[in-house]
N, C-alpha and C. Protein backbone atom coordinates (compact mmCIF):
# COMPACT_ATOMS: atom_id res chain seq x y z
N MET A 1 135.21 -89.52 -69.07
CA MET A 1 133.70 -89.66 -68.74
C MET A 1 133.07 -90.10 -69.96
N ALA A 2 131.95 -90.53 -69.83
CA ALA A 2 131.04 -90.94 -70.78
C ALA A 2 129.53 -90.35 -70.42
N THR A 3 129.02 -89.40 -71.32
CA THR A 3 127.77 -89.01 -71.19
C THR A 3 126.84 -89.26 -72.65
N PHE A 4 125.50 -89.67 -72.25
CA PHE A 4 124.77 -89.98 -73.49
C PHE A 4 123.24 -89.47 -73.08
N LEU A 5 122.64 -89.26 -74.19
CA LEU A 5 121.20 -89.05 -74.19
C LEU A 5 120.43 -89.98 -74.99
N ALA A 6 119.67 -90.76 -74.11
CA ALA A 6 118.95 -91.88 -74.95
C ALA A 6 117.64 -91.33 -75.45
N HIS A 7 117.19 -91.44 -76.83
CA HIS A 7 115.92 -90.99 -77.14
C HIS A 7 115.06 -92.33 -77.12
N ILE A 8 113.91 -92.34 -76.59
CA ILE A 8 113.12 -93.52 -76.41
C ILE A 8 111.68 -93.43 -76.86
N ARG A 9 111.05 -94.31 -77.58
CA ARG A 9 109.64 -94.34 -77.96
C ARG A 9 109.05 -95.66 -77.47
N VAL A 10 108.24 -95.56 -76.79
CA VAL A 10 107.45 -96.79 -76.13
C VAL A 10 106.19 -97.00 -76.86
N HIS A 11 105.87 -98.45 -76.92
CA HIS A 11 104.55 -98.65 -77.39
C HIS A 11 103.34 -98.03 -76.64
N GLU A 12 102.39 -97.82 -77.48
CA GLU A 12 101.04 -97.03 -77.15
C GLU A 12 100.48 -97.92 -75.75
N GLY A 13 100.18 -97.33 -74.74
CA GLY A 13 99.62 -98.09 -73.56
C GLY A 13 100.75 -98.60 -72.74
N LYS A 14 102.02 -98.46 -73.07
CA LYS A 14 103.08 -99.15 -72.27
C LYS A 14 103.90 -97.97 -71.33
N GLU A 15 103.37 -96.59 -71.37
CA GLU A 15 103.99 -95.64 -70.66
C GLU A 15 104.01 -95.92 -69.22
N LYS A 16 102.97 -96.45 -68.57
CA LYS A 16 102.94 -96.41 -67.06
C LYS A 16 104.04 -97.51 -66.64
N ARG A 17 103.95 -98.71 -67.51
CA ARG A 17 105.07 -99.61 -67.10
C ARG A 17 106.62 -99.25 -67.35
N PHE A 18 106.63 -98.37 -68.40
CA PHE A 18 108.02 -97.91 -68.76
C PHE A 18 108.43 -97.07 -67.41
N GLU A 19 107.61 -96.20 -67.04
CA GLU A 19 107.83 -95.36 -65.86
C GLU A 19 108.18 -95.95 -64.71
N GLU A 20 107.62 -97.33 -64.49
CA GLU A 20 107.88 -98.04 -63.30
C GLU A 20 109.36 -98.62 -63.46
N ILE A 21 109.68 -99.19 -64.58
CA ILE A 21 110.99 -99.74 -64.74
C ILE A 21 112.02 -98.39 -64.78
N ALA A 22 111.75 -97.39 -65.19
CA ALA A 22 112.81 -96.34 -65.05
C ALA A 22 113.11 -95.97 -63.65
N LYS A 23 111.97 -96.07 -62.86
CA LYS A 23 112.10 -95.75 -61.42
C LYS A 23 113.00 -96.93 -60.86
N ASP A 24 112.69 -98.05 -61.16
CA ASP A 24 113.55 -99.10 -60.71
C ASP A 24 114.92 -99.16 -60.95
N LEU A 25 115.38 -98.72 -62.35
CA LEU A 25 116.67 -98.47 -62.84
C LEU A 25 117.32 -97.36 -62.16
N PHE A 26 116.53 -96.45 -61.97
CA PHE A 26 117.09 -95.05 -61.32
C PHE A 26 117.51 -95.66 -59.81
N SER A 27 116.74 -96.08 -59.20
CA SER A 27 117.08 -96.42 -57.79
C SER A 27 118.17 -97.38 -57.64
N ALA A 28 118.20 -98.57 -58.59
CA ALA A 28 119.28 -99.58 -58.37
C ALA A 28 120.50 -98.97 -59.13
N THR A 29 120.58 -98.26 -60.10
CA THR A 29 121.80 -97.54 -60.58
C THR A 29 122.33 -96.67 -59.30
N HIS A 30 121.80 -95.86 -58.87
CA HIS A 30 122.14 -94.89 -57.73
C HIS A 30 122.59 -95.77 -56.65
N GLU A 31 122.06 -96.62 -56.35
CA GLU A 31 122.31 -97.49 -55.13
C GLU A 31 123.68 -98.35 -54.97
N ASN A 32 123.66 -98.89 -56.42
CA ASN A 32 124.74 -100.03 -56.56
C ASN A 32 125.82 -99.68 -57.39
N GLU A 33 125.97 -98.49 -58.08
CA GLU A 33 126.94 -98.24 -58.91
C GLU A 33 127.80 -96.97 -58.45
N ASP A 34 129.07 -97.25 -58.44
CA ASP A 34 130.07 -96.19 -57.93
C ASP A 34 130.43 -95.26 -59.17
N ASP A 35 130.37 -95.73 -60.42
CA ASP A 35 130.76 -94.85 -61.46
C ASP A 35 129.87 -93.85 -61.97
N VAL A 36 128.39 -94.04 -61.51
CA VAL A 36 127.44 -93.11 -62.09
C VAL A 36 127.72 -91.75 -61.62
N VAL A 37 127.61 -90.70 -62.44
CA VAL A 37 127.64 -89.35 -62.10
C VAL A 37 126.08 -88.84 -62.04
N ARG A 38 125.44 -88.94 -63.32
CA ARG A 38 124.03 -88.84 -63.28
C ARG A 38 123.52 -89.75 -63.97
N TYR A 39 122.14 -90.06 -63.74
CA TYR A 39 121.30 -91.12 -64.39
C TYR A 39 119.90 -90.73 -64.19
N GLU A 40 119.20 -90.07 -65.12
CA GLU A 40 117.84 -89.76 -65.09
C GLU A 40 116.92 -89.94 -66.19
N TYR A 41 115.60 -89.92 -66.00
CA TYR A 41 114.73 -90.24 -66.97
C TYR A 41 113.74 -88.95 -67.07
N TRP A 42 113.36 -88.85 -68.32
CA TRP A 42 112.56 -87.50 -68.56
C TRP A 42 111.37 -87.91 -69.54
N ARG A 43 110.23 -87.37 -69.43
CA ARG A 43 109.23 -87.41 -70.54
C ARG A 43 109.39 -86.39 -71.44
N GLY A 44 109.15 -86.75 -72.74
CA GLY A 44 109.33 -85.95 -73.86
C GLY A 44 108.17 -85.20 -74.19
N SER A 45 108.30 -84.15 -75.16
CA SER A 45 107.10 -83.38 -75.31
C SER A 45 105.99 -84.25 -76.36
N GLU A 46 106.46 -85.17 -77.13
CA GLU A 46 105.47 -86.00 -77.81
C GLU A 46 105.16 -87.26 -77.15
N HIS A 47 103.90 -87.63 -77.53
CA HIS A 47 103.34 -88.83 -76.59
C HIS A 47 104.33 -90.09 -77.06
N GLN A 48 104.27 -90.85 -75.95
CA GLN A 48 105.07 -92.03 -76.00
C GLN A 48 106.79 -91.88 -76.16
N THR A 49 107.12 -90.65 -75.88
CA THR A 49 108.61 -90.55 -75.90
C THR A 49 109.36 -90.21 -74.50
N TYR A 50 110.31 -90.51 -74.38
CA TYR A 50 111.18 -90.38 -73.12
C TYR A 50 112.65 -90.20 -73.59
N TYR A 51 113.36 -89.65 -72.57
CA TYR A 51 114.74 -89.51 -72.74
C TYR A 51 115.45 -90.02 -71.46
N THR A 52 116.71 -90.47 -71.57
CA THR A 52 117.46 -90.83 -70.41
C THR A 52 118.82 -89.95 -70.62
N SER A 53 119.05 -89.15 -69.56
CA SER A 53 120.41 -88.46 -69.61
C SER A 53 121.20 -89.17 -68.55
N ALA A 54 122.53 -89.51 -68.90
CA ALA A 54 123.24 -90.25 -68.07
C ALA A 54 124.73 -90.01 -68.27
N SER A 55 125.44 -89.87 -67.05
CA SER A 55 126.99 -89.56 -67.32
C SER A 55 127.59 -90.48 -66.26
N PHE A 56 128.74 -91.27 -66.57
CA PHE A 56 129.45 -91.96 -65.82
C PHE A 56 130.99 -91.57 -65.96
N LYS A 57 131.66 -91.83 -64.65
CA LYS A 57 132.97 -91.36 -64.68
C LYS A 57 133.94 -91.73 -65.75
N ASP A 58 133.67 -92.71 -66.46
CA ASP A 58 134.28 -93.07 -67.58
C ASP A 58 133.53 -94.10 -68.41
N TYR A 59 133.93 -94.42 -69.84
CA TYR A 59 133.09 -95.44 -70.60
C TYR A 59 133.15 -96.98 -69.95
N LEU A 60 134.12 -97.03 -69.27
CA LEU A 60 134.08 -98.40 -68.65
C LEU A 60 132.91 -98.46 -67.47
N GLY A 61 132.80 -97.39 -66.76
CA GLY A 61 131.65 -97.20 -66.05
C GLY A 61 130.30 -97.40 -66.53
N PHE A 62 130.16 -96.72 -67.66
CA PHE A 62 128.87 -97.04 -68.64
C PHE A 62 128.85 -98.47 -68.98
N LEU A 63 129.94 -99.21 -69.31
CA LEU A 63 129.81 -100.76 -69.45
C LEU A 63 129.41 -101.41 -68.27
N LYS A 64 129.90 -101.15 -67.23
CA LYS A 64 129.72 -101.87 -65.88
C LYS A 64 128.09 -101.58 -65.64
N HIS A 65 127.52 -100.58 -65.85
CA HIS A 65 126.18 -100.35 -65.72
C HIS A 65 125.47 -101.19 -66.86
N GLN A 66 125.72 -101.17 -68.00
CA GLN A 66 125.05 -102.04 -68.89
C GLN A 66 124.90 -103.53 -68.51
N VAL A 67 126.04 -104.01 -68.04
CA VAL A 67 126.07 -105.54 -67.77
C VAL A 67 125.65 -105.62 -66.27
N SER A 68 125.37 -104.83 -65.45
CA SER A 68 124.97 -104.99 -64.19
C SER A 68 123.64 -105.87 -64.20
N SER A 69 123.52 -106.76 -62.86
CA SER A 69 122.50 -107.45 -62.83
C SER A 69 121.08 -106.68 -62.92
N HIS A 70 120.88 -105.62 -62.36
CA HIS A 70 119.78 -104.85 -62.20
C HIS A 70 119.45 -104.38 -63.81
N HIS A 71 120.50 -103.83 -64.42
CA HIS A 71 120.05 -103.45 -65.89
C HIS A 71 119.75 -104.71 -66.68
N GLU A 72 120.49 -105.71 -66.59
CA GLU A 72 119.99 -106.93 -67.42
C GLU A 72 118.79 -107.52 -67.14
N GLU A 73 118.50 -107.50 -65.89
CA GLU A 73 117.19 -108.07 -65.49
C GLU A 73 115.92 -107.19 -66.11
N LEU A 74 116.03 -105.92 -66.13
CA LEU A 74 114.88 -105.02 -66.63
C LEU A 74 115.00 -104.83 -68.15
N ALA A 75 116.22 -104.88 -68.70
CA ALA A 75 116.50 -104.46 -70.03
C ALA A 75 115.69 -105.40 -71.05
N SER A 76 115.37 -106.68 -70.75
CA SER A 76 114.71 -107.63 -71.67
C SER A 76 113.22 -107.12 -71.63
N GLU A 77 112.66 -106.74 -70.73
CA GLU A 77 111.34 -106.04 -70.73
C GLU A 77 111.17 -104.82 -71.41
N LEU A 78 112.29 -103.96 -70.97
CA LEU A 78 112.36 -102.75 -71.79
C LEU A 78 112.39 -103.00 -73.30
N ARG A 79 112.88 -104.00 -73.73
CA ARG A 79 113.08 -104.18 -75.23
C ARG A 79 111.65 -104.78 -75.87
N GLU A 80 110.94 -105.20 -74.96
CA GLU A 80 109.54 -105.62 -75.34
C GLU A 80 108.58 -104.40 -75.36
N ILE A 81 108.67 -103.28 -74.58
CA ILE A 81 107.68 -102.32 -74.52
C ILE A 81 108.11 -101.00 -75.25
N THR A 82 109.49 -101.07 -75.62
CA THR A 82 109.93 -99.80 -76.73
C THR A 82 110.03 -100.19 -77.95
N MET A 83 109.58 -99.30 -78.80
CA MET A 83 109.62 -99.28 -80.15
C MET A 83 111.06 -98.91 -80.80
N GLU A 84 111.80 -97.96 -80.06
CA GLU A 84 112.91 -97.42 -80.42
C GLU A 84 113.85 -96.87 -79.23
N ILE A 85 115.11 -97.07 -79.15
CA ILE A 85 115.99 -96.68 -78.39
C ILE A 85 117.21 -96.11 -79.16
N LYS A 86 117.43 -94.92 -79.23
CA LYS A 86 118.70 -94.48 -79.91
C LYS A 86 119.74 -93.74 -78.98
N ILE A 87 120.78 -94.36 -78.66
CA ILE A 87 121.93 -93.48 -77.86
C ILE A 87 122.60 -92.60 -78.59
N GLU A 88 122.63 -91.44 -78.06
CA GLU A 88 123.42 -90.29 -78.69
C GLU A 88 124.25 -89.88 -77.62
N TRP A 89 125.74 -90.17 -77.90
CA TRP A 89 126.72 -89.65 -77.25
C TRP A 89 126.81 -88.26 -77.32
N ILE A 90 127.03 -87.50 -76.37
CA ILE A 90 127.22 -86.17 -76.03
C ILE A 90 128.40 -85.72 -75.34
N ASP A 91 128.85 -84.53 -75.72
CA ASP A 91 130.27 -84.05 -75.09
C ASP A 91 129.93 -82.74 -74.62
N PRO A 92 130.29 -82.64 -73.20
CA PRO A 92 130.14 -81.30 -72.66
C PRO A 92 131.00 -80.36 -73.10
N ILE A 93 130.41 -79.13 -72.95
CA ILE A 93 131.37 -77.93 -73.51
C ILE A 93 132.02 -77.37 -72.37
N GLN A 94 133.41 -77.46 -72.27
CA GLN A 94 134.19 -77.01 -70.99
C GLN A 94 133.97 -75.63 -70.70
N GLY A 95 133.73 -75.28 -69.50
CA GLY A 95 133.56 -73.93 -69.12
C GLY A 95 131.98 -73.68 -69.16
N ALA A 96 131.28 -74.53 -69.79
CA ALA A 96 129.76 -74.34 -69.80
C ALA A 96 129.05 -75.76 -69.11
N SER A 97 129.90 -76.56 -68.51
CA SER A 97 129.27 -77.83 -67.96
C SER A 97 130.37 -78.32 -66.93
N GLN A 98 130.09 -78.99 -65.83
CA GLN A 98 131.12 -79.43 -64.86
C GLN A 98 131.41 -80.89 -65.16
N LEU A 99 130.89 -81.42 -66.28
CA LEU A 99 131.35 -82.67 -66.67
C LEU A 99 132.56 -82.69 -67.50
N VAL A 100 133.32 -83.89 -67.64
CA VAL A 100 134.48 -84.00 -68.52
C VAL A 100 134.08 -84.66 -69.79
N GLU A 101 135.08 -84.53 -70.69
CA GLU A 101 134.66 -85.20 -72.00
C GLU A 101 134.42 -86.58 -72.20
N THR A 102 133.54 -86.88 -73.20
CA THR A 102 133.01 -88.07 -73.63
C THR A 102 134.14 -88.76 -74.28
N ASP A 103 134.80 -90.05 -73.83
CA ASP A 103 135.72 -90.62 -74.79
C ASP A 103 135.31 -92.10 -74.47
N HIS A 104 135.70 -92.92 -75.57
CA HIS A 104 135.64 -94.44 -75.77
C HIS A 104 136.96 -95.03 -75.08
N GLN A 105 136.50 -96.30 -74.53
CA GLN A 105 137.71 -96.97 -73.95
C GLN A 105 137.48 -98.48 -74.33
N THR A 106 138.44 -99.14 -74.71
CA THR A 106 138.35 -100.50 -74.88
C THR A 106 138.21 -101.46 -73.71
N PRO A 107 137.06 -102.13 -73.43
CA PRO A 107 136.92 -102.96 -72.28
C PRO A 107 138.06 -103.96 -72.04
N PRO A 108 138.55 -104.14 -70.82
CA PRO A 108 139.34 -105.26 -70.78
C PRO A 108 138.66 -106.56 -70.69
N SER A 109 139.45 -107.58 -71.31
CA SER A 109 138.76 -108.83 -71.32
C SER A 109 138.10 -109.44 -69.96
N LYS A 110 138.62 -109.03 -68.90
CA LYS A 110 138.06 -109.53 -67.69
C LYS A 110 136.49 -109.00 -67.49
N MET A 111 136.19 -107.88 -68.33
CA MET A 111 134.66 -107.35 -68.05
C MET A 111 133.94 -108.33 -68.87
N GLY A 112 134.43 -109.30 -69.76
CA GLY A 112 133.35 -110.18 -70.42
C GLY A 112 132.86 -110.01 -71.70
N GLU A 113 132.29 -110.99 -72.30
CA GLU A 113 131.87 -110.79 -73.73
C GLU A 113 130.69 -109.85 -73.71
N LEU A 114 129.86 -109.81 -72.65
CA LEU A 114 128.68 -108.95 -72.90
C LEU A 114 129.22 -107.32 -72.91
N ALA A 115 130.06 -107.08 -72.01
CA ALA A 115 130.77 -105.68 -72.16
C ALA A 115 131.25 -105.40 -73.57
N GLU A 116 131.93 -106.57 -73.98
CA GLU A 116 132.54 -106.24 -75.47
C GLU A 116 131.62 -106.13 -76.33
N SER A 117 130.46 -106.83 -76.37
CA SER A 117 129.37 -106.60 -77.33
C SER A 117 128.84 -105.21 -77.31
N TYR A 118 128.46 -104.79 -76.03
CA TYR A 118 128.08 -103.37 -75.77
C TYR A 118 128.85 -102.44 -76.34
N SER A 119 130.30 -102.55 -76.10
CA SER A 119 131.31 -101.58 -76.52
C SER A 119 131.18 -101.53 -78.25
N GLU A 120 131.03 -102.64 -78.81
CA GLU A 120 130.96 -102.81 -80.23
C GLU A 120 129.78 -102.08 -80.71
N ARG A 121 128.66 -102.26 -80.16
CA ARG A 121 127.34 -101.80 -80.54
C ARG A 121 127.12 -100.22 -80.18
N MET A 122 127.78 -99.72 -78.99
CA MET A 122 127.55 -98.47 -78.56
C MET A 122 128.79 -97.78 -78.27
N PRO A 123 129.82 -97.58 -79.13
CA PRO A 123 131.09 -96.97 -78.87
C PRO A 123 130.86 -95.56 -78.91
N ALA A 124 131.52 -95.04 -77.69
CA ALA A 124 131.49 -93.63 -77.45
C ALA A 124 132.61 -92.98 -78.02
N ASN A 125 132.69 -92.91 -79.37
CA ASN A 125 133.67 -92.23 -80.13
C ASN A 125 133.46 -90.77 -80.20
N ALA A 126 134.62 -90.11 -80.00
CA ALA A 126 134.62 -88.56 -80.05
C ALA A 126 134.15 -88.21 -81.58
N GLN A 127 133.33 -87.29 -81.79
CA GLN A 127 133.05 -86.78 -82.98
C GLN A 127 134.29 -85.89 -83.51
N PRO A 128 134.72 -85.94 -84.74
CA PRO A 128 135.80 -85.13 -85.32
C PRO A 128 135.68 -83.63 -85.00
N TRP A 129 134.39 -83.22 -85.03
CA TRP A 129 134.13 -81.79 -84.91
C TRP A 129 134.15 -81.41 -83.38
N TRP A 130 133.90 -82.45 -82.46
CA TRP A 130 134.16 -82.20 -81.14
C TRP A 130 135.60 -81.82 -80.83
N LEU A 131 136.56 -82.65 -81.44
CA LEU A 131 137.90 -82.64 -81.12
C LEU A 131 138.45 -81.34 -81.41
N GLU A 132 137.99 -80.67 -82.64
CA GLU A 132 138.48 -79.43 -82.99
C GLU A 132 138.09 -78.36 -81.94
N LEU A 133 137.08 -78.56 -81.32
CA LEU A 133 136.61 -77.32 -80.19
C LEU A 133 136.98 -77.62 -79.01
N ARG A 134 137.56 -78.88 -78.70
CA ARG A 134 137.94 -79.07 -77.29
C ARG A 134 139.02 -78.21 -77.00
N ASN A 135 139.16 -77.75 -75.57
CA ASN A 135 140.28 -76.98 -75.09
C ASN A 135 141.63 -77.78 -75.07
């Protein structure tokens, strides 16, 4: 499994457009991807802040999402309207979540250079302290 929380801050006045893109990504992701378990957007308490909560069956499912045509088409505009996007890989607590552990996988070469690039920039490496607490 691969689960992340994205911390997002958009430029002033771009909130409405961000939410339109979020709705498009939500729909396209759930309609076209088999490996998505959860994919949701949330408004934060601070002005111009948003969160994405997402879980995929595995890290390769996350990479498939990242390189999908619907994500790639909207990602360029997202980069223009956001000030910051920070991906935080999170790990479910077994017995307190129905999700399974977040673990990195090396993408096979057939996934292409873009998937490899995402893998290098956003590895889902388990934190050492997680490993100590996993059952």
